Amino acid sequence: MNKILHVRKVFFSLGLLLVLCPNESKAQSKEQTLHNLNTMLVNTVMTDLFTPIVSSRIYVYPTIAFYECIRYDDPTMTSLAGKLNGLHSLPAPPAGKKIDPFIAACVSFSHVAQILVGSEYKFSDWRKAFADSLFAHGDSVMAQNSILFGRSVADSIIAWTKRDNYLKSRAMTRFVYSSAPGAWQPTPLDYAQALEPYWNAIRPMTLKSASQFAPKEKLVYNKSKDSKFYKTVLETYNIGKNLDTTQKEIALYWDDNPNVSVNIGHLNYFIHKVSPGGHWILIGQQACKQKNIPVTKAAQVYALTSIALFDAFISCWDEKYHSNLIRPITIINRIIDKNWTPYIQTPPFPEFTSGHSVISNAAAVVLTALLGENYEFTDEIEMQFGNKARHFKSFMDAAHESTWSRVYGGIHYPETARISIVQGKEVGNHVLKTLYPQALTK
C-alpha cells in the first residue's frame, strides 16, 4: 500500500514566536507585530494546504481589515471603501471614545484571518494572548474600545467576504474536458482534476470584470511547423533539453508549488511550500523591514500587494479557461519526443496565460510604486526549502526571473511568458490607478 506522507516545512522565526506570546514581548514594535501576523497567515495557509488561487483570497481580506483600522493613525491615508467592488462603507471609530488604531487593526486582522483559514485556533489563541497583555499592561478602557472597534471593522469585512461568490463557486459543476485539438488535458504525475475552473466568477477587488485585461495577443494552437505555436513549443523543448545550472536553480527557486508530488517506488509523498502569492507578500515584508517602513505604510504595502495578487489571479484564470491551451508536456510528448519531461511538475490547469508571470508582474508594479524603483534586495524566502538566496536589482527584476522560471521549468511556452508579463503589469497599474493614483504621477 502506498504511503502518503505530508511533509510540512514551516518556518517560525523568533519574531513569530514572540508575537504568539505578547506577554513576553512588550517591547516588540508595531511594525514587527504586523509582519509577524502576516508571516503567521502565510504559514497557516501553507500548512492548511490551500491552493495558490484560494490562498490569494485568504491573504487579501485580513490585510484590508488591518489597513482600514491603522489608517486612522495617518490622516493622509484614505479608506478603500467605495473604491473596492462591493465594499461601500466601513464603521468609523466611536465618537468621544479614545481608541488605539493599532490595537484595533491587530484585532480586526485576527478575526478576519480566523474565518478564512482551517486552523482557526492559531488566530483566536493569538488574539486572546494579545488582549490579555493589553489589559495587564495598559489602559484597559482604551484597550476595550479599540478591541470593539477592530471587531466592528472585522464584522463588516467578513460580511463582505460572504458576497464574493466563493461559496457559490464551490458548488459549480466539474470542469468538462474538451477533445478539441490543442485543448488542455490533465498531466502527470497526478493527472489531477482542473483546478479552480470557475475562479472568474469570484468578485474582483478593482477589476470591472474578470476579462478586463484579457490579452489582446493570443497564443493559438497550430501544429504547422511554420506557425508561432509550433516554434514556441520547439523552443520550450530545446530549452528544457539544455538547461544550465543557473536555469535549474531559477526554476526550482520560483517553483512555489504548495503541494509537490514525489513518487519513489511504492512511496508517494507531498512536500508543502509557500504559494506564489505568499512568496510575493514576504518579498514585500523583507523590503519593509530593510527600509524600516513605518507600520501605517507597511499596512498599505500588504493591502495593495494582496489586492494586486488577488485580481491578477482572477484575470489570469479567466484567460486560462477561455483559451484552454495544451501544456508543453502533452504536446511535446505527442508530436516531438514521447520521453521528454519538464524540469518541474506541471500544475493542473491550462497553459495560457502564466499564473506566476501575471501575479509576479502585478505585485512588482505595486511594490515598485510604493517602495521604490531601484530597490536592490536579496530574497531569502526559499532558503527554508533548500534553495540558495537570490539577489535582484529591483522588484521588476525579480518578476522577470519568476516569469522565465516557468519556461526553464518546462511548464510554459516562451511566447506565453512574454504575453503574460503585459497582462500582469496592466493589472498592477489598474490597482494603483484605482487605489493609489498619486503613485502613477511621481
Protein backbone atom coordinates (compact mmCIF):
# COMPACT_ATOMS: atom_id res chain seq x y z
CA MET A 1 0.00 0.00 0.00
CA ASN A 2 1.29 3.42 -0.89
CA LYS A 3 2.03 5.70 1.98
CA ILE A 4 1.15 9.36 1.75
CA LEU A 5 3.37 11.50 3.88
CA HIS A 6 2.60 15.15 4.38
CA VAL A 7 5.91 16.88 4.82
CA ARG A 8 5.20 20.29 6.23
CA LYS A 9 8.06 22.71 6.26
CA VAL A 10 7.02 25.61 8.42
CA PHE A 11 9.30 28.48 9.29
CA PHE A 12 8.80 30.08 12.67
CA SER A 13 11.16 32.98 13.14
CA LEU A 14 11.91 34.33 16.60
CA GLY A 15 9.60 37.22 15.74
CA LEU A 16 6.68 34.90 15.03
CA LEU A 17 7.22 33.07 18.31
CA LEU A 18 7.22 36.41 20.11
CA VAL A 19 4.04 37.67 18.50
CA LEU A 20 2.28 34.48 19.57
CA CYS A 21 3.25 35.31 23.14
CA PRO A 22 2.74 39.06 23.50
CA ASN A 23 3.07 38.84 27.30
CA GLU A 24 6.75 38.02 26.74
CA SER A 25 7.40 40.70 24.14
CA LYS A 26 6.19 44.03 25.48
CA ALA A 27 8.96 45.88 23.64
CA GLN A 28 8.07 44.44 20.26
CA SER A 29 7.45 47.14 17.68
CA LYS A 30 4.16 47.70 15.94
CA GLU A 31 5.88 47.04 12.62
CA GLN A 32 7.21 43.69 13.80
CA THR A 33 3.79 42.66 15.07
CA LEU A 34 2.26 43.43 11.66
CA HIS A 35 4.99 41.47 9.89
CA ASN A 36 4.56 38.56 12.27
CA LEU A 37 0.80 38.45 11.77
CA ASN A 38 1.32 38.21 8.01
CA THR A 39 4.02 35.57 8.44
CA MET A 40 1.64 33.56 10.59
CA LEU A 41 -1.04 33.90 7.92
CA VAL A 42 1.31 32.71 5.16
CA ASN A 43 2.45 29.79 7.32
CA THR A 44 -1.11 28.82 8.20
CA VAL A 45 -2.20 28.90 4.56
CA MET A 46 0.73 26.61 3.74
CA THR A 47 0.09 24.06 6.47
CA ASP A 48 -3.68 24.10 5.85
CA LEU A 49 -2.99 23.02 2.23
CA PHE A 50 -4.86 25.78 0.42
CA THR A 51 -4.23 26.09 -3.31
CA PRO A 52 -2.36 29.16 -4.60
CA ILE A 53 -5.55 30.56 -6.09
CA VAL A 54 -7.62 30.23 -2.92
CA SER A 55 -4.64 31.44 -0.89
CA SER A 56 -4.85 34.81 -2.65
CA ARG A 57 -8.33 35.25 -1.20
CA ILE A 58 -7.12 34.38 2.29
CA TYR A 59 -4.27 36.90 2.13
CA VAL A 60 -6.28 39.85 0.89
CA TYR A 61 -9.16 40.30 3.33
CA PRO A 62 -7.16 40.40 6.61
CA THR A 63 -4.66 42.90 5.17
CA ILE A 64 -7.51 45.19 4.13
CA ALA A 65 -9.01 44.91 7.63
CA PHE A 66 -5.70 45.91 9.22
CA TYR A 67 -5.25 48.83 6.84
CA GLU A 68 -8.76 50.16 7.43
CA CYS A 69 -8.07 50.42 11.16
CA ILE A 70 -4.45 51.61 11.18
CA ARG A 71 -5.13 54.35 8.63
CA TYR A 72 -6.64 56.43 11.44
CA ASP A 73 -3.06 56.93 12.65
CA ASP A 74 -2.18 58.67 9.36
CA PRO A 75 -4.55 61.37 8.04
CA THR A 76 -3.03 61.10 4.53
CA MET A 77 -4.34 57.56 4.13
CA THR A 78 -7.86 57.23 2.79
CA SER A 79 -10.31 54.38 3.08
CA LEU A 80 -10.53 51.72 0.40
CA ALA A 81 -14.28 51.58 0.95
CA GLY A 82 -16.07 52.95 -2.09
CA LYS A 83 -13.10 52.00 -4.27
CA LEU A 84 -13.21 48.23 -3.92
CA ASN A 85 -16.04 46.29 -5.54
CA GLY A 86 -18.88 45.69 -3.11
CA LEU A 87 -17.25 47.47 -0.16
CA HIS A 88 -19.41 50.56 0.21
CA SER A 89 -18.66 51.69 3.76
CA LEU A 90 -17.00 50.63 7.00
CA PRO A 91 -17.58 51.59 10.65
CA ALA A 92 -15.83 54.68 11.97
CA PRO A 93 -14.22 54.88 15.42
CA PRO A 94 -16.78 55.58 18.15
CA ALA A 95 -17.24 59.31 18.76
CA GLY A 96 -15.91 60.59 22.07
CA LYS A 97 -14.05 57.39 22.92
CA LYS A 98 -10.30 57.03 22.90
CA ILE A 99 -9.01 54.21 20.75
CA ASP A 100 -5.65 52.88 19.57
CA PRO A 101 -5.87 52.19 15.80
CA PHE A 102 -3.02 49.69 16.06
CA ILE A 103 -4.82 47.58 18.63
CA ALA A 104 -7.98 47.71 16.53
CA ALA A 105 -6.01 46.73 13.43
CA CYS A 106 -4.46 43.67 15.06
CA VAL A 107 -7.79 42.51 16.41
CA SER A 108 -9.51 43.06 13.07
CA PHE A 109 -6.81 41.19 11.14
CA SER A 110 -7.01 38.21 13.50
CA HIS A 111 -10.82 37.93 13.34
CA VAL A 112 -10.89 38.06 9.53
CA ALA A 113 -8.00 35.62 9.16
CA GLN A 114 -9.65 33.23 11.60
CA ILE A 115 -12.77 32.76 9.49
CA LEU A 116 -10.77 32.12 6.30
CA VAL A 117 -8.22 29.51 7.40
CA GLY A 118 -8.64 25.94 8.57
CA SER A 119 -6.51 26.26 11.72
CA GLU A 120 -8.75 28.88 13.32
CA TYR A 121 -7.26 28.35 16.77
CA LYS A 122 -3.97 29.96 15.74
CA PHE A 123 -5.58 33.36 15.40
CA SER A 124 -8.05 33.04 18.26
CA ASP A 125 -5.21 31.95 20.58
CA TRP A 126 -3.04 34.82 19.37
CA ARG A 127 -5.84 37.34 19.92
CA LYS A 128 -6.52 36.10 23.46
CA ALA A 129 -2.85 36.40 24.41
CA PHE A 130 -2.70 39.84 22.79
CA ALA A 131 -5.79 41.06 24.68
CA ASP A 132 -4.57 39.61 27.98
CA SER A 133 -1.31 41.54 27.57
CA LEU A 134 -3.18 44.77 26.81
CA PHE A 135 -5.37 44.56 29.90
CA ALA A 136 -2.42 43.57 32.11
CA HIS A 137 -0.05 46.32 31.00
CA GLY A 138 -2.07 49.19 29.52
CA ASP A 139 -5.16 51.38 29.62
CA SER A 140 -7.95 48.82 29.93
CA VAL A 141 -10.71 51.24 28.86
CA MET A 142 -8.88 52.28 25.70
CA ALA A 143 -7.99 48.65 25.02
CA GLN A 144 -11.64 47.63 25.28
CA ASN A 145 -12.76 50.47 22.99
CA SER A 146 -10.10 49.55 20.46
CA ILE A 147 -10.95 45.86 20.54
CA LEU A 148 -14.64 46.61 19.97
CA PHE A 149 -13.82 48.95 17.06
CA GLY A 150 -11.50 46.37 15.49
CA ARG A 151 -14.19 43.74 15.82
CA SER A 152 -16.79 46.00 14.16
CA VAL A 153 -14.49 46.55 11.16
CA ALA A 154 -13.80 42.81 11.02
CA ASP A 155 -17.52 42.01 11.05
CA SER A 156 -18.08 44.32 8.08
CA ILE A 157 -15.16 42.79 6.17
CA ILE A 158 -16.38 39.27 6.95
CA ALA A 159 -19.86 40.15 5.69
CA TRP A 160 -18.21 41.50 2.53
CA THR A 161 -16.30 38.23 2.02
CA LYS A 162 -19.56 36.30 2.03
CA ARG A 163 -20.79 38.19 -1.02
CA ASP A 164 -17.77 37.45 -3.26
CA ASN A 165 -19.27 34.27 -4.80
CA TYR A 166 -16.65 31.99 -3.28
CA LEU A 167 -19.21 29.66 -1.70
CA LYS A 168 -21.24 29.56 -4.92
CA SER A 169 -18.12 28.59 -6.86
CA ARG A 170 -17.67 25.55 -4.58
CA ALA A 171 -20.97 24.14 -5.83
CA MET A 172 -20.38 24.60 -9.57
CA THR A 173 -20.24 21.56 -11.85
CA ARG A 174 -16.99 19.75 -12.54
CA PHE A 175 -14.94 21.02 -15.47
CA VAL A 176 -15.63 19.12 -18.71
CA TYR A 177 -12.53 18.32 -20.74
CA SER A 178 -12.52 19.17 -24.41
CA SER A 179 -11.42 16.71 -27.08
CA ALA A 180 -10.60 19.54 -29.49
CA PRO A 181 -7.04 19.60 -30.88
CA GLY A 182 -4.82 21.66 -28.64
CA ALA A 183 -7.17 21.59 -25.65
CA TRP A 184 -5.68 21.15 -22.20
CA GLN A 185 -5.62 17.65 -20.73
CA PRO A 186 -4.61 16.51 -17.22
CA THR A 187 -0.87 15.96 -16.89
CA PRO A 188 1.48 13.67 -14.92
CA LEU A 189 2.37 12.90 -12.21
CA ASP A 190 -1.09 13.01 -10.70
CA TYR A 191 -3.35 13.70 -13.71
CA ALA A 192 -5.28 15.88 -11.27
CA GLN A 193 -8.64 17.46 -12.00
CA ALA A 194 -8.78 21.04 -13.31
CA LEU A 195 -8.02 23.48 -10.52
CA GLU A 196 -10.50 26.32 -9.93
CA PRO A 197 -12.07 26.46 -13.42
CA TYR A 198 -14.68 28.95 -12.18
CA TRP A 199 -12.40 31.38 -10.38
CA ASN A 200 -13.50 34.06 -12.84
CA ALA A 201 -16.86 34.00 -11.03
CA ILE A 202 -15.20 35.41 -7.90
CA ARG A 203 -15.79 39.12 -7.36
CA PRO A 204 -12.58 41.05 -8.12
CA MET A 205 -11.30 43.82 -5.90
CA THR A 206 -10.76 46.52 -8.54
CA LEU A 207 -11.40 44.93 -11.95
CA LYS A 208 -14.60 45.84 -13.78
CA SER A 209 -14.75 42.25 -14.99
CA ALA A 210 -12.53 39.17 -14.91
CA SER A 211 -11.78 39.64 -18.60
CA GLN A 212 -10.90 43.35 -18.39
CA PHE A 213 -7.23 42.67 -19.11
CA ALA A 214 -7.54 39.58 -21.25
CA PRO A 215 -4.51 39.69 -23.58
CA LYS A 216 -5.19 41.14 -27.00
CA GLU A 217 -2.46 38.90 -28.34
CA LYS A 218 -3.28 35.18 -28.04
CA LEU A 219 -1.23 32.03 -28.43
CA VAL A 220 -3.29 29.82 -30.74
CA TYR A 221 -2.77 26.09 -31.20
CA ASN A 222 -1.37 25.22 -34.63
CA LYS A 223 0.72 22.13 -35.43
CA SER A 224 2.08 23.60 -38.65
CA LYS A 225 5.88 23.81 -38.38
CA ASP A 226 5.92 27.40 -39.60
CA SER A 227 3.33 28.57 -37.01
CA LYS A 228 4.11 30.71 -33.95
CA PHE A 229 2.75 27.97 -31.73
CA TYR A 230 4.92 25.17 -33.10
CA LYS A 231 8.00 27.39 -32.93
CA THR A 232 7.40 28.26 -29.28
CA VAL A 233 6.74 24.58 -28.45
CA LEU A 234 10.04 23.65 -30.08
CA GLU A 235 11.78 26.45 -28.21
CA THR A 236 10.38 25.10 -24.92
CA TYR A 237 11.64 21.64 -25.80
CA ASN A 238 15.13 22.84 -26.68
CA ILE A 239 15.42 25.00 -23.57
CA GLY A 240 14.39 22.05 -21.41
CA LYS A 241 16.94 19.76 -23.06
CA ASN A 242 19.81 22.21 -22.49
CA LEU A 243 19.22 23.72 -19.08
CA ASP A 244 22.31 25.07 -17.38
CA THR A 245 22.89 25.13 -13.62
CA THR A 246 21.61 28.68 -13.19
CA GLN A 247 18.40 27.99 -15.12
CA LYS A 248 17.75 24.91 -12.99
CA GLU A 249 18.28 26.93 -9.81
CA ILE A 250 15.87 29.61 -11.05
CA ALA A 251 13.21 27.03 -11.95
CA LEU A 252 13.40 25.45 -8.51
CA TYR A 253 13.62 28.73 -6.63
CA TRP A 254 10.38 30.09 -8.07
CA ASP A 255 8.56 26.75 -8.21
CA ASP A 256 6.44 27.75 -5.17
CA ASN A 257 4.30 24.66 -5.67
CA PRO A 258 2.43 24.27 -2.36
CA ASN A 259 1.85 20.56 -2.98
CA VAL A 260 4.69 18.85 -4.89
CA SER A 261 4.12 15.14 -5.52
CA VAL A 262 7.11 12.84 -5.14
CA ASN A 263 6.95 9.20 -6.22
CA ILE A 264 9.71 6.81 -5.20
CA GLY A 265 8.76 3.24 -5.98
CA HIS A 266 5.71 2.50 -3.84
CA LEU A 267 6.21 5.58 -1.70
CA ASN A 268 4.19 8.69 -2.51
CA TYR A 269 4.52 11.87 -0.51
CA PHE A 270 3.91 15.58 -0.84
CA ILE A 271 6.18 18.50 0.01
CA HIS A 272 4.30 21.62 1.04
CA LYS A 273 5.84 25.00 0.30
CA VAL A 274 4.83 28.65 0.29
CA SER A 275 2.47 29.67 -2.52
CA PRO A 276 3.46 32.12 -5.31
CA GLY A 277 1.30 34.84 -3.76
CA GLY A 278 2.74 34.16 -0.32
CA HIS A 279 6.23 34.48 -1.77
CA TRP A 280 5.47 37.99 -3.04
CA ILE A 281 3.85 39.04 0.23
CA LEU A 282 7.03 38.01 2.01
CA ILE A 283 9.16 39.86 -0.55
CA GLY A 284 7.20 42.97 0.37
CA GLN A 285 7.74 42.14 4.02
CA GLN A 286 11.51 41.84 3.55
CA ALA A 287 11.57 45.25 1.85
CA CYS A 288 9.54 46.91 4.61
CA LYS A 289 11.89 45.53 7.24
CA GLN A 290 15.06 46.51 5.40
CA LYS A 291 13.79 50.02 4.63
CA ASN A 292 12.33 50.50 8.16
CA ILE A 293 8.91 51.32 6.74
CA PRO A 294 6.51 52.57 9.47
CA VAL A 295 3.52 50.46 10.35
CA THR A 296 0.92 52.57 8.52
CA LYS A 297 2.85 52.49 5.24
CA ALA A 298 3.68 48.79 5.70
CA ALA A 299 -0.04 48.09 6.13
CA GLN A 300 -0.66 49.83 2.81
CA VAL A 301 2.07 47.72 1.18
CA TYR A 302 0.47 44.50 2.40
CA ALA A 303 -3.05 45.55 1.42
CA LEU A 304 -2.31 46.84 -2.08
CA THR A 305 0.08 43.98 -2.90
CA SER A 306 -2.51 41.44 -1.78
CA ILE A 307 -5.19 43.17 -3.83
CA ALA A 308 -2.97 43.09 -6.92
CA LEU A 309 -2.28 39.38 -6.39
CA PHE A 310 -5.97 38.61 -5.92
CA ASP A 311 -7.08 40.47 -9.06
CA ALA A 312 -4.16 39.07 -11.06
CA PHE A 313 -5.22 35.50 -10.26
CA ILE A 314 -8.79 36.26 -11.35
CA SER A 315 -7.59 37.87 -14.58
CA CYS A 316 -5.22 35.02 -15.37
CA TRP A 317 -7.64 32.21 -14.52
CA ASP A 318 -10.33 33.78 -16.66
CA GLU A 319 -7.96 33.64 -19.63
CA LYS A 320 -6.73 30.14 -18.82
CA TYR A 321 -10.13 28.51 -19.07
CA HIS A 322 -11.18 30.57 -22.07
CA SER A 323 -8.05 29.71 -24.06
CA ASN A 324 -7.85 26.20 -22.55
CA LEU A 325 -4.43 25.66 -24.14
CA ILE A 326 -2.49 22.41 -24.03
CA ARG A 327 0.56 22.13 -21.75
CA PRO A 328 4.11 21.59 -23.10
CA ILE A 329 4.46 18.06 -21.74
CA THR A 330 1.33 16.91 -23.58
CA ILE A 331 2.09 18.40 -26.98
CA ILE A 332 5.83 17.64 -26.88
CA ASN A 333 5.19 14.00 -25.97
CA ARG A 334 2.60 13.83 -28.72
CA ILE A 335 4.50 15.32 -31.68
CA ILE A 336 8.20 15.77 -30.79
CA ASP A 337 9.58 13.44 -28.10
CA LYS A 338 7.46 10.91 -26.22
CA ASN A 339 10.07 10.64 -23.45
CA TRP A 340 10.51 14.36 -22.70
CA THR A 341 9.62 15.57 -19.21
CA PRO A 342 9.64 19.10 -17.75
CA TYR A 343 12.17 20.00 -15.08
CA ILE A 344 9.42 20.80 -12.55
CA GLN A 345 5.96 19.34 -12.07
CA THR A 346 3.20 20.69 -14.33
CA PRO A 347 0.26 22.15 -12.33
CA PRO A 348 -3.33 21.02 -13.10
CA PHE A 349 -4.79 23.79 -15.25
CA PRO A 350 -4.47 25.16 -18.80
CA GLU A 351 -1.26 26.78 -20.00
CA PHE A 352 -2.18 30.26 -21.29
CA THR A 353 -1.58 32.68 -19.59
CA SER A 354 1.08 32.02 -16.93
CA GLY A 355 -0.07 32.44 -13.35
CA HIS A 356 3.42 33.12 -11.98
CA SER A 357 4.06 35.71 -14.69
CA VAL A 358 0.79 37.58 -14.26
CA ILE A 359 0.77 37.72 -10.47
CA SER A 360 4.51 38.44 -10.15
CA ASN A 361 4.40 41.39 -12.52
CA ALA A 362 1.22 42.76 -10.94
CA ALA A 363 2.78 42.57 -7.46
CA ALA A 364 6.09 44.02 -8.66
CA VAL A 365 4.36 47.03 -10.23
CA VAL A 366 2.62 47.81 -6.94
CA LEU A 367 5.72 47.24 -4.78
CA THR A 368 7.78 49.43 -7.10
CA ALA A 369 5.28 52.27 -6.82
CA LEU A 370 5.11 52.03 -3.04
CA LEU A 371 8.73 51.25 -2.12
CA GLY A 372 10.94 52.43 -4.95
CA GLU A 373 12.04 51.64 -8.47
CA ASN A 374 15.68 50.78 -7.76
CA TYR A 375 15.26 48.78 -4.57
CA GLU A 376 18.02 46.16 -4.63
CA PHE A 377 17.49 43.15 -2.38
CA THR A 378 18.43 39.58 -1.60
CA ASP A 379 15.45 37.24 -1.41
CA GLU A 380 15.96 34.55 1.24
CA ILE A 381 12.42 33.19 1.39
CA GLU A 382 13.14 29.91 -0.37
CA MET A 383 16.20 29.03 1.72
CA GLN A 384 13.93 27.14 4.11
CA PHE A 385 13.18 24.74 1.25
CA GLY A 386 16.82 24.07 0.41
CA ASN A 387 17.29 26.76 -2.27
CA LYS A 388 20.04 29.37 -2.30
CA ALA A 389 19.12 33.03 -1.75
CA ARG A 390 18.84 35.11 -4.91
CA HIS A 391 19.79 38.75 -5.45
CA PHE A 392 17.72 41.19 -7.51
CA LYS A 393 18.27 44.74 -8.69
CA SER A 394 14.58 45.61 -8.36
CA PHE A 395 11.11 44.17 -7.87
CA MET A 396 10.65 44.11 -11.64
CA ASP A 397 13.92 42.17 -11.97
CA ALA A 398 12.53 39.55 -9.59
CA ALA A 399 9.24 39.42 -11.51
CA HIS A 400 11.14 38.91 -14.78
CA GLU A 401 13.06 35.99 -13.30
CA SER A 402 9.89 34.48 -11.84
CA THR A 403 8.29 34.71 -15.29
CA TRP A 404 11.09 32.91 -17.09
CA SER A 405 11.48 30.32 -14.34
CA ARG A 406 8.30 28.69 -15.68
CA VAL A 407 9.86 28.40 -19.14
CA TYR A 408 13.03 26.89 -17.67
CA GLY A 409 10.81 24.54 -15.69
CA GLY A 410 9.20 23.33 -18.92
CA ILE A 411 5.63 24.15 -17.99
CA HIS A 412 5.13 27.32 -20.07
CA TYR A 413 5.99 28.43 -23.59
CA PRO A 414 8.30 31.45 -24.08
CA GLU A 415 5.58 33.20 -26.07
CA THR A 416 3.16 32.79 -23.18
CA ALA A 417 5.72 34.31 -20.81
CA ARG A 418 6.08 37.42 -22.98
CA ILE A 419 2.33 37.96 -23.24
CA SER A 420 1.73 37.26 -19.54
CA ILE A 421 4.16 39.97 -18.45
CA VAL A 422 1.99 42.56 -20.19
CA GLN A 423 -1.19 41.21 -18.59
CA GLY A 424 0.34 41.33 -15.11
CA LYS A 425 1.61 44.89 -15.50
CA GLU A 426 -1.80 46.04 -16.71
CA VAL A 427 -3.48 44.57 -13.62
CA GLY A 428 -0.90 46.13 -11.29
CA ASN A 429 -1.23 49.55 -12.88
CA HIS A 430 -5.02 49.33 -12.70
CA VAL A 431 -4.84 48.61 -8.96
CA LEU A 432 -2.64 51.67 -8.50
CA LYS A 433 -4.87 53.86 -10.67
CA THR A 434 -7.91 52.80 -8.63
CA LEU A 435 -6.46 52.88 -5.13
CA TYR A 436 -3.28 54.96 -5.14
CA PRO A 437 -3.23 57.15 -8.26
CA GLN A 438 -0.65 59.56 -6.85
CA ALA A 439 1.96 56.78 -7.28
CA LEU A 440 1.49 56.93 -11.05
CA THR A 441 2.31 60.64 -11.20
CA LYS A 442 5.55 60.55 -9.23
